[in-house]
Amino acid sequence: MDDNKLEAKLLKIKALAERGEGGEKEAAIKMYHKLLKKYDIDEKARDTLLFYFESLMNRKQGIP
């Protein structure tokens, strides 16, 4: 999976893990951690990566 697709997927799963309900939320959390482990993404790199892509998505939506 290329970096852009992975980053987009992580953001979507993270959002679902934060906003989902019940089993949906639990499944998203498990999938999120599984992908981090699969692609060997550590906590610091993950936080930097997610901040960067959240900023890009906000700019696309016109949010400063």
C-alpha atoms as a PDB file:
ATOM      1  CA  MET A   1       0.000   0.000   0.000  1.00  0.00           C
ATOM      2  CA  ASP A   2       1.481   3.376  -0.893  1.00  0.00           C
ATOM      3  CA  ASP A   3       2.040   5.971   1.822  1.00  0.00           C
ATOM      4  CA  ASN A   4      -0.836   8.253   0.827  1.00  0.00           C
ATOM      5  CA  LYS A   5      -3.380   5.433   0.880  1.00  0.00           C
ATOM      6  CA  LEU A   6      -2.081   4.150   4.188  1.00  0.00           C
ATOM      7  CA  GLU A   7      -2.178   7.611   5.745  1.00  0.00           C
ATOM      8  CA  ALA A   8      -5.709   8.241   4.511  1.00  0.00           C
ATOM      9  CA  LYS A   9      -6.826   4.858   5.815  1.00  0.00           C
ATOM     10  CA  LEU A  10      -5.249   5.480   9.222  1.00  0.00           C
ATOM     11  CA  LEU A  11      -6.999   8.842   9.495  1.00  0.00           C
ATOM     12  CA  LYS A  12     -10.378   7.367   8.614  1.00  0.00           C
ATOM     13  CA  ILE A  13      -9.971   4.482  11.035  1.00  0.00           C
ATOM     14  CA  LYS A  14      -8.755   6.835  13.763  1.00  0.00           C
ATOM     15  CA  ALA A  15     -11.825   9.029  13.266  1.00  0.00           C
ATOM     16  CA  LEU A  16     -14.108   5.999  13.465  1.00  0.00           C
ATOM     17  CA  ALA A  17     -12.319   4.814  16.607  1.00  0.00           C
ATOM     18  CA  GLU A  18     -12.883   8.225  18.194  1.00  0.00           C
ATOM     19  CA  ARG A  19     -16.492   8.761  17.068  1.00  0.00           C
ATOM     20  CA  GLY A  20     -17.890   5.272  16.569  1.00  0.00           C
ATOM     21  CA  GLU A  21     -20.183   3.472  18.970  1.00  0.00           C
ATOM     22  CA  GLY A  22     -20.002   0.045  20.564  1.00  0.00           C
ATOM     23  CA  GLY A  23     -18.582  -2.739  18.424  1.00  0.00           C
ATOM     24  CA  GLU A  24     -17.858  -0.349  15.552  1.00  0.00           C
ATOM     25  CA  LYS A  25     -15.527   1.658  17.766  1.00  0.00           C
ATOM     26  CA  GLU A  26     -13.816  -1.428  19.191  1.00  0.00           C
ATOM     27  CA  ALA A  27     -13.251  -2.922  15.738  1.00  0.00           C
ATOM     28  CA  ALA A  28     -11.769   0.367  14.490  1.00  0.00           C
ATOM     29  CA  ILE A  29      -9.362   0.541  17.430  1.00  0.00           C
ATOM     30  CA  LYS A  30      -8.197  -3.031  16.799  1.00  0.00           C
ATOM     31  CA  MET A  31      -7.762  -2.390  13.067  1.00  0.00           C
ATOM     32  CA  TYR A  32      -5.868   0.850  13.748  1.00  0.00           C
ATOM     33  CA  HIS A  33      -3.357  -0.884  16.023  1.00  0.00           C
ATOM     34  CA  LYS A  34      -3.059  -3.834  13.648  1.00  0.00           C
ATOM     35  CA  LEU A  35      -2.106  -1.513  10.779  1.00  0.00           C
ATOM     36  CA  LEU A  36       0.421   0.350  12.937  1.00  0.00           C
ATOM     37  CA  LYS A  37       2.065  -2.944  13.798  1.00  0.00           C
ATOM     38  CA  LYS A  38       1.877  -4.335  10.245  1.00  0.00           C
ATOM     39  CA  TYR A  39       3.599  -1.298   8.732  1.00  0.00           C
ATOM     40  CA  ASP A  40       5.971  -0.885  11.710  1.00  0.00           C
ATOM     41  CA  ILE A  41       4.845   2.628  12.582  1.00  0.00           C
ATOM     42  CA  ASP A  42       5.966   3.751  16.050  1.00  0.00           C
ATOM     43  CA  GLU A  43       4.037   6.120  18.312  1.00  0.00           C
ATOM     44  CA  LYS A  44       6.094   9.252  17.572  1.00  0.00           C
ATOM     45  CA  ALA A  45       6.066   8.714  13.812  1.00  0.00           C
ATOM     46  CA  ARG A  46       2.339   7.986  13.935  1.00  0.00           C
ATOM     47  CA  ASP A  47       1.557  11.197  15.824  1.00  0.00           C
ATOM     48  CA  THR A  48       3.659  13.277  13.415  1.00  0.00           C
ATOM     49  CA  LEU A  49       2.109  11.578  10.404  1.00  0.00           C
ATOM     50  CA  LEU A  50      -1.463  11.999  11.610  1.00  0.00           C
ATOM     51  CA  PHE A  51      -0.940  15.651  12.557  1.00  0.00           C
ATOM     52  CA  TYR A  52       0.452  16.360   9.087  1.00  0.00           C
ATOM     53  CA  PHE A  53      -2.412  14.687   7.270  1.00  0.00           C
ATOM     54  CA  GLU A  54      -5.093  16.149   9.506  1.00  0.00           C
ATOM     55  CA  SER A  55      -3.638  19.569   8.676  1.00  0.00           C
ATOM     56  CA  LEU A  56      -3.775  18.783   4.951  1.00  0.00           C
ATOM     57  CA  MET A  57      -7.361  17.575   5.164  1.00  0.00           C
ATOM     58  CA  ASN A  58      -8.384  20.681   7.106  1.00  0.00           C
ATOM     59  CA  ARG A  59      -6.807  22.926   4.468  1.00  0.00           C
ATOM     60  CA  LYS A  60      -8.705  21.090   1.727  1.00  0.00           C
ATOM     61  CA  GLN A  61     -11.909  21.758   3.655  1.00  0.00           C
ATOM     62  CA  GLY A  62     -11.023  25.415   4.186  1.00  0.00           C
ATOM     63  CA  ILE A  63     -10.302  25.069   7.902  1.00  0.00           C
ATOM     64  CA  PRO A  64      -7.224  27.057   9.019  1.00  0.00           C
END
